[in-house]
Structures are given as structure tokens and as C-alpha cells.
Amino acid sequence: MNYGISGLSIIPVRREPSEQSEMITQILYGEHFIVNEIMLGWANIKLAFDGCEGWIDMKMITPLPEKSYQKIDHSPFAVSTDIFNIIPINAEQTMMIVAGSTLPCWRPYLKEFSIQYDVYRHTGNFTYKKPANIRKVIIDQALKYYNAPYLWGGRSPFGIDCSGLTQIIYKMAGFKIPRDASQQVHCGKALSFVEETKPGDLAFFDNEEGQIVHVGIIWEKNKIIHASGQVRIDNVDQFGIFNVDTKRYTHQMRVMKRIIKD
């Protein structure tokens, strides 16, 4: 087995081949991957969407022949934008999928997608390619995650980390950005002042060693949507994030970036 796809809502990806190992990310429904190595019931995979690598339980893999993998890899896809949705699998079974899930080999006029020879209907909300109103889509989708719990390695509305939030929200707006904040910071154009930002721009924050450790989405002037304990809205200025509950700065500003070209 050299290729696979997630036929489950969420697959945890571990740093090492063990259930006790740290979860470094999650694979959402419809995301496909290369299988690098198999060991003791675990598969080391590389996710096609962002290149993230890690270990997943082999029982969670839906295998793909190379031809099907290549078709999915080169075909247009849609992204489900409802917090959760139900996909009919057959006459008796359904699958719950979460926001950010991929609908591969998308047929826009039929609202159908396919995995190998199986065709599925998606009747919920979705985005397909880049929408015309990108910034509005980013903010509208980000606000849906308000109060979602923080989860290290999470990419779903039921548990998400700071860079998982930015990656999934941008995915729903038609962009591919890397998984981690330390990688995302290299995307886009740097902005010098908070006053230059527009809704949907990203702000990055570092620690005392200068390492990028946090990222959030600029909402309105001096407001930021980010995942810290939960997805929340706080104040932001040139110094960093000012927590509206504790009345103190919690994250030190490093740089603001614009990925959207407008």
C-alpha cells in the first residue's frame, strides 16, 4: 500500500508509531496522502495538502491505487464549510464530516464528489476555488469557530490549535498554506503597522528566543481571532495580543503578513 485517503471524519497523526505519542496534526475527511513506511500496524504518511508527515493507525486508512491517487491529486476539489455535515455513504450508512473536509473530484453542478468508483452527494455549504469575497469568507468562517476548544495538533471545530485554525480557514477560502506557524510566517507580504492590516491578514508572535510560536487572524482594526485556550477574540496592537479577560499582554508581536493579493 503506497497511497491512501481519509474515509473517516478525523484521523490523528502521531509523532511516533504509538497511541501514547504526541498528536502533531489531524487528517480530515477526503484528504489524501502518500504512505512512506509501514511498521507494526502503523503507517508513516505524507499529507498531500501540506506535506505534513507522521504516523497513523493503519486501520484508519482507506487504500488508494496509484491511478486513483493521481486523479484526486490533479482534480478540482471543494471544501465543506459547515461546522459538521452528514454525508450519505449508502442506503443505510452515513458519515459525519467537519468543516475543512475535502470533497475530492468535485462536480460543481451536481454537488457531487467521488473517491475511486464511489460517488457521494454533498448538500451542505462549501467553497470551490477562490471565492470573490475572500476576506469576508475568511472572517465569516473564522467566527464559526468562536469558543472551539484549543487542542494541540487539532484541525477541527471540536479541537484546534492556532496554526490549525489559520490553515483550515484559509483552506476554506481557496488557499494552501503550511501547517505550522513557524512555516506560515514565510508566506505573503510583511506589513509594518497594525493600521495597515485588513480583515483576514495574519499576525505572528514569537517567544523570548525569537521563535514563532503563535498566529492569529486579524478581524477588525485592533482585533484578532486566535486559538489560545479556546478560539477567542482579543485586542491586538504593535506590542502583541492584549487579553480582554486578564487585562494583560499574552503574546509578543513579531510580524504581520498579507497572503491575499488585493
Protein backbone atom coordinates (compact mmCIF):
# COMPACT_ATOMS: atom_id res chain seq x y z
CA MET A 1 0.00 0.00 0.00
CA ASN A 2 1.59 3.25 -1.19
CA TYR A 3 -1.35 5.67 -1.16
CA GLY A 4 -4.38 6.39 0.97
CA ILE A 5 -7.21 8.78 1.77
CA SER A 6 -9.19 9.58 4.89
CA GLY A 7 -12.63 7.99 4.79
CA LEU A 8 -13.15 9.00 8.42
CA SER A 9 -14.11 12.34 9.92
CA ILE A 10 -10.75 12.83 11.63
CA ILE A 11 -7.57 10.75 11.78
CA PRO A 12 -4.98 11.67 14.44
CA VAL A 13 -1.39 11.86 13.19
CA ARG A 14 1.25 10.93 15.79
CA ARG A 15 4.90 11.89 16.05
CA GLU A 16 5.85 8.26 16.73
CA PRO A 17 4.02 4.97 15.91
CA SER A 18 2.18 4.75 19.23
CA GLU A 19 -1.21 5.78 20.63
CA GLN A 20 0.69 7.39 23.51
CA SER A 21 2.74 9.58 21.18
CA GLU A 22 2.09 13.29 20.70
CA MET A 23 -0.58 14.19 18.13
CA ILE A 24 1.08 16.59 15.71
CA THR A 25 -1.83 17.12 13.32
CA GLN A 26 -5.07 15.60 12.04
CA ILE A 27 -6.20 14.37 8.64
CA LEU A 28 -9.74 15.44 7.81
CA TYR A 29 -12.20 13.56 5.62
CA GLY A 30 -11.23 13.42 1.95
CA GLU A 31 -7.58 14.42 2.42
CA HIS A 32 -5.19 12.07 0.62
CA PHE A 33 -1.63 11.07 1.39
CA ILE A 34 1.40 9.02 0.41
CA VAL A 35 2.37 6.05 2.60
CA ASN A 36 6.13 6.20 3.19
CA GLU A 37 6.59 3.24 5.51
CA ILE A 38 4.62 0.57 7.38
CA MET A 39 5.66 -0.72 10.79
CA LEU A 40 3.78 -2.83 13.35
CA GLY A 41 0.30 -1.72 12.32
CA TRP A 42 1.30 1.90 11.79
CA ALA A 43 1.87 3.83 8.58
CA ASN A 44 4.18 6.78 8.17
CA ILE A 45 2.41 9.15 5.79
CA LYS A 46 2.96 12.44 3.98
CA LEU A 47 -0.17 14.54 3.55
CA ALA A 48 -0.64 15.86 0.01
CA PHE A 49 -2.27 19.11 1.14
CA ASP A 50 0.54 20.50 3.28
CA GLY A 51 3.38 17.95 3.23
CA CYS A 52 2.98 17.17 6.93
CA GLU A 53 4.44 13.77 7.90
CA GLY A 54 3.66 11.47 10.80
CA TRP A 55 2.26 8.11 11.89
CA ILE A 56 -1.34 6.93 11.67
CA ASP A 57 -3.09 3.70 12.64
CA MET A 58 -3.32 1.52 9.51
CA LYS A 59 -6.88 0.53 10.43
CA MET A 60 -7.93 4.11 9.69
CA ILE A 61 -6.61 4.17 6.12
CA THR A 62 -8.76 3.83 3.02
CA PRO A 63 -6.21 2.50 0.49
CA LEU A 64 -5.95 4.07 -2.95
CA PRO A 65 -4.37 2.63 -6.10
CA GLU A 66 -1.87 4.98 -7.72
CA LYS A 67 -4.25 5.83 -10.57
CA SER A 68 -6.97 6.96 -8.14
CA TYR A 69 -4.44 8.92 -6.07
CA GLN A 70 -3.20 10.77 -9.16
CA LYS A 71 -6.76 11.52 -10.27
CA ILE A 72 -7.61 13.00 -6.88
CA ASP A 73 -4.32 14.89 -6.77
CA HIS A 74 -4.96 16.57 -10.12
CA SER A 75 -8.74 17.08 -9.94
CA PRO A 76 -10.59 20.12 -8.55
CA PHE A 77 -11.96 19.78 -5.05
CA ALA A 78 -14.45 21.60 -2.87
CA VAL A 79 -14.19 22.21 0.88
CA SER A 80 -17.08 21.67 3.26
CA THR A 81 -17.73 24.81 5.34
CA ASP A 82 -20.47 23.69 7.74
CA ILE A 83 -19.26 23.01 11.29
CA PHE A 84 -20.41 19.47 10.64
CA ASN A 85 -22.35 17.77 7.90
CA ILE A 86 -23.72 14.32 7.17
CA ILE A 87 -22.68 12.51 4.00
CA PRO A 88 -24.81 9.53 2.88
CA ILE A 89 -22.45 6.60 2.27
CA ASN A 90 -25.12 4.18 1.13
CA ALA A 91 -28.79 3.44 1.84
CA GLU A 92 -28.02 2.52 5.44
CA GLN A 93 -24.84 4.36 6.43
CA THR A 94 -23.79 7.98 6.83
CA MET A 95 -20.54 9.75 7.68
CA MET A 96 -20.23 12.92 9.73
CA ILE A 97 -17.64 15.33 8.36
CA VAL A 98 -16.35 18.57 9.88
CA ALA A 99 -15.59 21.98 8.43
CA GLY A 100 -12.47 21.96 6.29
CA SER A 101 -13.08 18.45 4.95
CA THR A 102 -12.13 17.86 1.33
CA LEU A 103 -14.68 16.85 -1.30
CA PRO A 104 -12.38 15.35 -3.96
CA CYS A 105 -13.06 15.19 -7.70
CA TRP A 106 -15.80 17.77 -7.24
CA ARG A 107 -18.63 18.12 -9.76
CA PRO A 108 -19.98 21.62 -9.02
CA TYR A 109 -23.22 21.46 -10.98
CA LEU A 110 -24.25 18.14 -9.45
CA LYS A 111 -22.86 18.91 -5.97
CA GLU A 112 -21.19 15.51 -6.05
CA PHE A 113 -17.71 14.25 -5.32
CA SER A 114 -16.09 10.89 -5.86
CA ILE A 115 -13.47 8.62 -4.31
CA GLN A 116 -12.45 5.91 -6.77
CA TYR A 117 -15.72 4.50 -8.15
CA ASP A 118 -17.97 5.74 -5.35
CA VAL A 119 -19.96 8.95 -5.86
CA TYR A 120 -21.33 10.96 -2.93
CA ARG A 121 -23.74 13.87 -2.62
CA HIS A 122 -22.94 16.94 -0.54
CA THR A 123 -25.97 19.11 0.15
CA GLY A 124 -24.40 21.47 2.67
CA ASN A 125 -22.35 24.64 2.29
CA PHE A 126 -18.99 24.54 0.58
CA THR A 127 -16.36 26.65 -1.15
CA TYR A 128 -14.97 25.81 -4.56
CA LYS A 129 -11.79 27.51 -5.74
CA LYS A 130 -11.20 31.07 -4.51
CA PRO A 131 -14.41 33.00 -3.75
CA ALA A 132 -14.80 36.57 -4.98
CA ASN A 133 -15.15 37.97 -1.45
CA ILE A 134 -12.13 36.23 0.09
CA ARG A 135 -11.75 38.43 3.17
CA LYS A 136 -15.43 38.13 4.10
CA VAL A 137 -15.28 34.35 3.70
CA ILE A 138 -12.21 34.15 5.96
CA ILE A 139 -13.80 36.19 8.74
CA ASP A 140 -17.21 34.52 8.47
CA GLN A 141 -15.65 31.07 8.68
CA ALA A 142 -13.27 32.04 11.50
CA LEU A 143 -16.15 33.36 13.61
CA LYS A 144 -17.86 29.96 13.33
CA TYR A 145 -15.00 28.55 15.41
CA TYR A 146 -15.54 31.03 18.25
CA ASN A 147 -15.19 29.19 21.60
CA ALA A 148 -13.92 25.99 19.96
CA PRO A 149 -11.55 24.34 22.47
CA TYR A 150 -7.79 24.51 21.97
CA LEU A 151 -6.21 21.17 21.09
CA TRP A 152 -2.55 20.75 20.24
CA GLY A 153 -2.40 19.28 16.74
CA GLY A 154 -6.13 19.82 16.16
CA ARG A 155 -7.69 20.97 12.88
CA SER A 156 -11.41 20.59 13.63
CA PRO A 157 -14.11 22.75 15.27
CA PHE A 158 -14.11 20.28 18.17
CA GLY A 159 -10.46 20.94 18.98
CA ILE A 160 -7.96 23.12 17.13
CA ASP A 161 -4.61 24.83 17.61
CA CYS A 162 -3.57 28.30 16.48
CA SER A 163 -1.98 27.35 13.17
CA GLY A 164 -4.60 24.68 12.52
CA LEU A 165 -7.21 27.44 12.70
CA THR A 166 -5.43 29.69 10.22
CA GLN A 167 -4.65 26.83 7.85
CA ILE A 168 -8.22 25.47 7.76
CA ILE A 169 -9.81 28.92 7.44
CA TYR A 170 -7.51 29.75 4.54
CA LYS A 171 -8.24 26.33 3.01
CA MET A 172 -11.93 27.22 3.00
CA ALA A 173 -11.02 30.43 1.14
CA GLY A 174 -9.13 28.54 -1.57
CA PHE A 175 -5.55 28.82 -0.25
CA LYS A 176 -2.94 26.21 0.64
CA ILE A 177 -0.70 27.38 3.48
CA PRO A 178 1.65 25.25 5.61
CA ARG A 179 0.63 23.53 8.83
CA ASP A 180 2.72 25.28 11.49
CA ALA A 181 3.01 28.95 12.45
CA SER A 182 6.80 28.79 12.01
CA GLN A 183 6.17 27.81 8.36
CA GLN A 184 3.18 30.06 7.71
CA VAL A 185 5.22 33.14 8.66
CA HIS A 186 7.19 32.75 5.42
CA CYS A 187 4.03 33.23 3.32
CA GLY A 188 2.84 36.55 1.97
CA LYS A 189 3.99 40.15 2.25
CA ALA A 190 5.13 41.75 5.51
CA LEU A 191 3.20 44.73 6.88
CA SER A 192 4.86 47.38 9.03
CA PHE A 193 1.95 48.61 11.14
CA VAL A 194 -1.25 47.18 12.60
CA GLU A 195 -3.05 50.10 10.98
CA GLU A 196 -2.10 48.68 7.55
CA THR A 197 -3.86 45.38 8.15
CA LYS A 198 -7.16 44.31 6.66
CA PRO A 199 -9.58 41.63 7.88
CA GLY A 200 -8.11 38.23 7.04
CA ASP A 201 -4.45 39.21 7.30
CA LEU A 202 -2.30 37.14 9.66
CA ALA A 203 -0.29 38.22 12.71
CA PHE A 204 2.60 36.18 14.09
CA PHE A 205 4.05 36.18 17.58
CA ASP A 206 7.36 34.99 18.99
CA ASN A 207 8.89 33.92 22.29
CA GLU A 208 11.94 35.28 24.09
CA GLU A 209 14.22 33.23 21.83
CA GLY A 210 12.68 34.78 18.72
CA GLN A 211 10.88 31.59 17.65
CA ILE A 212 7.45 31.96 16.04
CA VAL A 213 5.04 30.27 18.47
CA HIS A 214 1.61 31.72 17.70
CA VAL A 215 -0.53 33.03 14.85
CA GLY A 216 -3.95 34.64 14.56
CA ILE A 217 -6.32 36.21 12.04
CA ILE A 218 -6.82 39.98 12.04
CA TRP A 219 -10.54 40.74 12.26
CA GLU A 220 -11.20 44.44 12.62
CA LYS A 221 -8.65 47.10 13.41
CA ASN A 222 -7.03 46.15 16.71
CA LYS A 223 -8.99 42.86 16.98
CA ILE A 224 -7.66 39.34 16.40
CA ILE A 225 -9.25 35.88 16.21
CA HIS A 226 -6.91 33.21 17.56
CA ALA A 227 -6.79 29.89 19.42
CA SER A 228 -5.42 30.20 22.95
CA GLY A 229 -7.26 28.03 25.45
CA GLN A 230 -10.16 28.37 23.05
CA VAL A 231 -10.83 30.26 19.86
CA ARG A 232 -11.34 33.80 21.11
CA ILE A 233 -11.28 37.45 20.11
CA ASP A 234 -8.77 39.76 21.78
CA ASN A 235 -7.22 43.16 21.21
CA VAL A 236 -4.01 43.43 19.21
CA ASP A 237 -1.53 46.26 18.69
CA GLN A 238 2.12 46.73 17.77
CA PHE A 239 3.18 45.16 21.08
CA GLY A 240 1.11 41.99 20.77
CA ILE A 241 -2.15 40.41 21.93
CA PHE A 242 -3.89 42.02 24.88
CA ASN A 243 -6.20 39.53 26.58
CA VAL A 244 -9.56 41.20 27.21
CA ASP A 245 -10.27 38.95 30.23
CA THR A 246 -6.97 39.08 32.11
CA LYS A 247 -6.14 42.65 31.00
CA ARG A 248 -2.55 41.79 30.13
CA TYR A 249 -0.39 41.06 27.11
CA THR A 250 -0.12 37.34 26.40
CA HIS A 251 1.73 37.17 23.07
CA GLN A 252 4.57 39.33 21.70
CA MET A 253 4.10 40.70 18.17
CA ARG A 254 6.72 39.66 15.62
CA VAL A 255 5.25 40.43 12.19
CA MET A 256 2.00 40.84 10.27
CA LYS A 257 1.63 39.22 6.85
CA ARG A 258 -0.72 39.63 3.90
CA ILE A 259 -1.35 36.50 1.83
CA ILE A 260 -4.41 37.78 -0.03
CA LYS A 261 -3.48 39.79 -3.11
CA ASP A 262 -5.93 42.67 -3.42
